[in-house]
Amino acid sequence: MKIRALPSFFVPFVLVVLCVLVCATAGAVEEPKQEGKEEAVVIGPTTREQIETAVPEWVQAEVESQPNVEAARRLAAVKPGAEVTVFLGTWCSDSRREVPRFWKALAEAGLDVPFEIQYVGVDRGKKEPAAMLAENGVRYLPTFIVRRDGREAGRIVESSPNGVERDLLNLLTGKEKGVLTTRQDMGSDGSAKPSG
């Protein structure tokens, strides 16, 4: 059997297709831009495992977190079918506080929570992934967006007023709607409050 070589014009095409496939299957990692800090910045759709690899100190932050155990366990009993999308910055102190607490709450709830969870890493300038940030109206990190039946039920922005596990439970059960945050410059609909 004789093996034929690929035509030379075909090789660049194959390389581009392979590059696109590799980039599409994993969140991108931006090299650190600050001296002294060796953490990577995860950008785009990602997984918890990729986040933990990029910023291993978040694993310790989860261990140290103290969510409300009752509220966390009630997450396992919410009506199935919701989606929770978490926009975070691996470089962001608010994300470091809220996301590991969320992970600890999930651990308290058990392995099988009745909602989907997606993570999206955001760059330091909060510009990438541009299309996902614009589509979801994300300005502050972290932002937990809860959707049911394709519609947004509410979101937690930057700092959860009652603990991420309680506020998430309230959004998932419909007891709360809109934007939950401790930010003083945002209204419950996410708009900027007038100053003065």
Protein backbone atom coordinates (compact mmCIF):
# COMPACT_ATOMS: atom_id res chain seq x y z
CA MET A 1 0.00 0.00 0.00
CA LYS A 2 1.40 3.36 -0.99
CA ILE A 3 0.83 6.41 1.28
CA ARG A 4 0.43 9.71 -0.50
CA ALA A 5 1.45 13.04 1.01
CA LEU A 6 -1.14 15.77 1.49
CA PRO A 7 -1.07 18.55 -1.09
CA SER A 8 0.94 21.51 0.27
CA PHE A 9 -2.06 23.89 0.13
CA PHE A 10 -4.01 21.55 2.42
CA VAL A 11 -1.54 21.55 5.35
CA PRO A 12 -2.26 25.15 6.57
CA PHE A 13 -5.99 24.42 6.43
CA VAL A 14 -5.58 21.32 8.62
CA LEU A 15 -3.46 23.27 11.11
CA VAL A 16 -6.08 26.04 11.38
CA VAL A 17 -8.87 23.50 11.94
CA LEU A 18 -6.87 21.74 14.66
CA CYS A 19 -6.09 25.05 16.38
CA VAL A 20 -9.78 26.03 16.36
CA LEU A 21 -10.81 22.67 17.80
CA VAL A 22 -8.25 22.83 20.61
CA CYS A 23 -9.23 26.41 21.52
CA ALA A 24 -12.94 25.57 21.47
CA THR A 25 -12.63 22.67 23.91
CA ALA A 26 -10.93 24.49 26.78
CA GLY A 27 -10.91 27.93 28.38
CA ALA A 28 -7.99 30.04 27.33
CA VAL A 29 -5.37 30.96 29.88
CA GLU A 30 -3.79 34.41 29.78
CA GLU A 31 -0.27 34.69 31.11
CA PRO A 32 0.08 36.86 34.22
CA LYS A 33 0.75 40.52 33.54
CA GLN A 34 1.82 41.57 37.03
CA GLU A 35 5.24 40.80 38.39
CA GLY A 36 5.30 38.92 41.66
CA LYS A 37 1.99 37.17 41.01
CA GLU A 38 2.25 33.86 39.25
CA GLU A 39 -1.44 33.11 38.90
CA ALA A 40 -2.87 32.50 35.46
CA VAL A 41 -5.95 34.27 34.23
CA VAL A 42 -8.60 31.91 32.86
CA ILE A 43 -10.63 33.39 30.00
CA GLY A 44 -13.78 31.98 28.40
CA PRO A 45 -15.90 28.92 29.16
CA THR A 46 -14.07 26.82 31.71
CA THR A 47 -14.47 24.17 34.36
CA ARG A 48 -13.99 24.09 38.09
CA GLU A 49 -10.96 21.86 37.59
CA GLN A 50 -9.32 24.39 35.26
CA ILE A 51 -9.98 27.17 37.77
CA GLU A 52 -8.49 25.13 40.64
CA THR A 53 -5.41 24.40 38.53
CA ALA A 54 -4.96 28.07 37.64
CA VAL A 55 -5.51 29.35 41.20
CA PRO A 56 -4.91 26.48 43.66
CA GLU A 57 -5.37 28.82 46.64
CA TRP A 58 -9.11 28.76 45.85
CA VAL A 59 -9.17 25.15 47.06
CA GLN A 60 -7.97 26.36 50.48
CA ALA A 61 -10.47 29.23 50.35
CA GLU A 62 -13.23 26.63 49.88
CA VAL A 63 -12.01 24.70 52.93
CA GLU A 64 -12.07 27.91 54.99
CA SER A 65 -15.53 29.02 53.75
CA GLN A 66 -18.45 28.76 56.13
CA PRO A 67 -21.73 28.83 54.20
CA ASN A 68 -25.05 28.41 55.93
CA VAL A 69 -25.34 24.61 55.99
CA GLU A 70 -29.16 24.50 56.03
CA ALA A 71 -29.46 26.79 52.98
CA ALA A 72 -26.68 24.90 51.20
CA ARG A 73 -28.38 21.54 51.73
CA ARG A 74 -31.68 22.94 50.47
CA LEU A 75 -30.00 23.63 47.10
CA ALA A 76 -30.29 19.88 46.42
CA ALA A 77 -34.08 20.08 46.67
CA VAL A 78 -34.85 22.98 44.30
CA LYS A 79 -37.05 22.41 41.27
CA PRO A 80 -34.90 20.84 38.51
CA GLY A 81 -34.09 22.55 35.24
CA ALA A 82 -32.40 25.82 36.16
CA GLU A 83 -29.04 26.99 34.86
CA VAL A 84 -26.48 28.93 36.88
CA THR A 85 -23.75 30.73 34.95
CA VAL A 86 -20.87 32.08 37.00
CA PHE A 87 -18.76 34.85 35.49
CA LEU A 88 -15.55 35.17 37.53
CA GLY A 89 -12.05 36.49 37.50
CA THR A 90 -9.31 34.19 38.76
CA TRP A 91 -7.46 37.43 39.62
CA CYS A 92 -10.46 38.97 41.44
CA SER A 93 -10.70 39.09 45.25
CA ASP A 94 -14.53 39.13 45.21
CA SER A 95 -14.53 36.02 43.00
CA ARG A 96 -12.01 34.40 45.37
CA ARG A 97 -14.42 34.99 48.26
CA GLU A 98 -17.74 34.07 46.60
CA VAL A 99 -16.89 31.19 44.22
CA PRO A 100 -15.13 28.93 46.76
CA ARG A 101 -18.02 29.58 49.18
CA PHE A 102 -20.37 28.49 46.38
CA TRP A 103 -18.28 25.33 45.92
CA LYS A 104 -18.46 24.59 49.66
CA ALA A 105 -22.25 25.06 49.54
CA LEU A 106 -22.43 22.62 46.62
CA ALA A 107 -20.41 20.10 48.65
CA GLU A 108 -22.91 20.46 51.50
CA ALA A 109 -25.80 19.99 49.04
CA GLY A 110 -24.35 16.73 47.76
CA LEU A 111 -22.99 15.65 44.43
CA ASP A 112 -26.19 15.88 42.40
CA VAL A 113 -27.72 19.34 42.44
CA PRO A 114 -30.77 19.67 40.17
CA PHE A 115 -29.38 22.59 38.12
CA GLU A 116 -26.63 23.05 35.56
CA ILE A 117 -23.55 25.10 36.38
CA GLN A 118 -21.35 26.85 33.85
CA TYR A 119 -18.23 28.90 34.55
CA VAL A 120 -16.85 31.72 32.42
CA GLY A 121 -13.44 33.25 33.14
CA VAL A 122 -13.01 36.98 32.49
CA ASP A 123 -9.77 38.86 31.81
CA ARG A 124 -8.42 41.61 34.08
CA GLY A 125 -9.79 44.39 31.87
CA LYS A 126 -13.27 42.78 31.88
CA LYS A 127 -13.24 42.89 28.09
CA GLU A 128 -12.91 39.19 27.21
CA PRO A 129 -14.81 37.09 26.35
CA ALA A 130 -16.42 40.18 24.79
CA ALA A 131 -19.46 38.55 23.20
CA MET A 132 -20.44 36.63 26.35
CA LEU A 133 -19.98 39.67 28.61
CA ALA A 134 -22.08 41.87 26.32
CA GLU A 135 -24.78 39.24 25.78
CA ASN A 136 -25.19 38.79 29.53
CA GLY A 137 -24.70 42.40 30.62
CA VAL A 138 -21.86 41.53 32.99
CA ARG A 139 -19.96 44.51 34.44
CA TYR A 140 -18.82 43.31 37.87
CA LEU A 141 -17.32 40.04 39.08
CA PRO A 142 -18.35 37.61 40.14
CA THR A 143 -21.81 37.54 38.61
CA PHE A 144 -24.00 34.48 39.18
CA ILE A 145 -26.85 34.42 36.64
CA VAL A 146 -29.83 32.14 37.33
CA ARG A 147 -32.03 31.16 34.38
CA ARG A 148 -35.20 29.09 34.18
CA ASP A 149 -36.83 28.15 30.90
CA GLY A 150 -34.30 30.28 29.05
CA ARG A 151 -35.20 33.45 30.99
CA GLU A 152 -33.16 35.19 33.61
CA ALA A 153 -34.69 34.75 37.06
CA GLY A 154 -32.09 36.93 38.76
CA ARG A 155 -28.43 37.44 39.49
CA ILE A 156 -25.98 37.92 42.31
CA VAL A 157 -23.46 40.65 41.52
CA GLU A 158 -20.03 41.02 43.11
CA SER A 159 -20.90 40.46 46.76
CA SER A 160 -23.87 38.43 47.95
CA PRO A 161 -25.95 40.28 50.58
CA ASN A 162 -27.01 37.17 52.52
CA GLY A 163 -24.36 34.65 51.53
CA VAL A 164 -24.18 33.17 48.05
CA GLU A 165 -25.88 29.93 49.14
CA ARG A 166 -28.94 31.73 50.61
CA ASP A 167 -29.27 34.23 47.75
CA LEU A 168 -28.83 31.51 45.15
CA LEU A 169 -31.44 29.37 46.90
CA ASN A 170 -33.87 32.29 46.89
CA LEU A 171 -33.31 32.95 43.18
CA LEU A 172 -33.64 29.25 42.30
CA THR A 173 -36.89 28.91 44.26
CA GLY A 174 -38.36 32.20 43.01
CA LYS A 175 -38.46 33.84 46.45
CA GLU A 176 -36.20 36.59 45.07
CA LYS A 177 -35.89 38.15 41.62
CA GLY A 178 -33.72 40.76 40.04
CA VAL A 179 -30.24 41.76 41.13
CA LEU A 180 -28.95 40.83 44.57
CA THR A 181 -25.85 42.77 45.56
CA THR A 182 -24.27 44.83 48.30
CA ARG A 183 -23.16 47.43 45.74
CA GLN A 184 -24.62 50.80 46.64
CA ASP A 185 -24.51 52.09 43.05
CA MET A 186 -26.86 49.47 41.55
CA GLY A 187 -30.62 49.20 41.56
CA SER A 188 -32.45 45.87 41.89
CA ASP A 189 -32.77 45.76 38.10
CA GLY A 190 -29.00 46.13 37.63
CA SER A 191 -29.16 49.72 36.47
CA ALA A 192 -27.00 52.44 37.95
CA LYS A 193 -28.62 54.35 40.79
CA PRO A 194 -28.69 58.11 40.34
CA SER A 195 -26.02 59.84 42.39
CA GLY A 196 -26.84 62.60 44.81
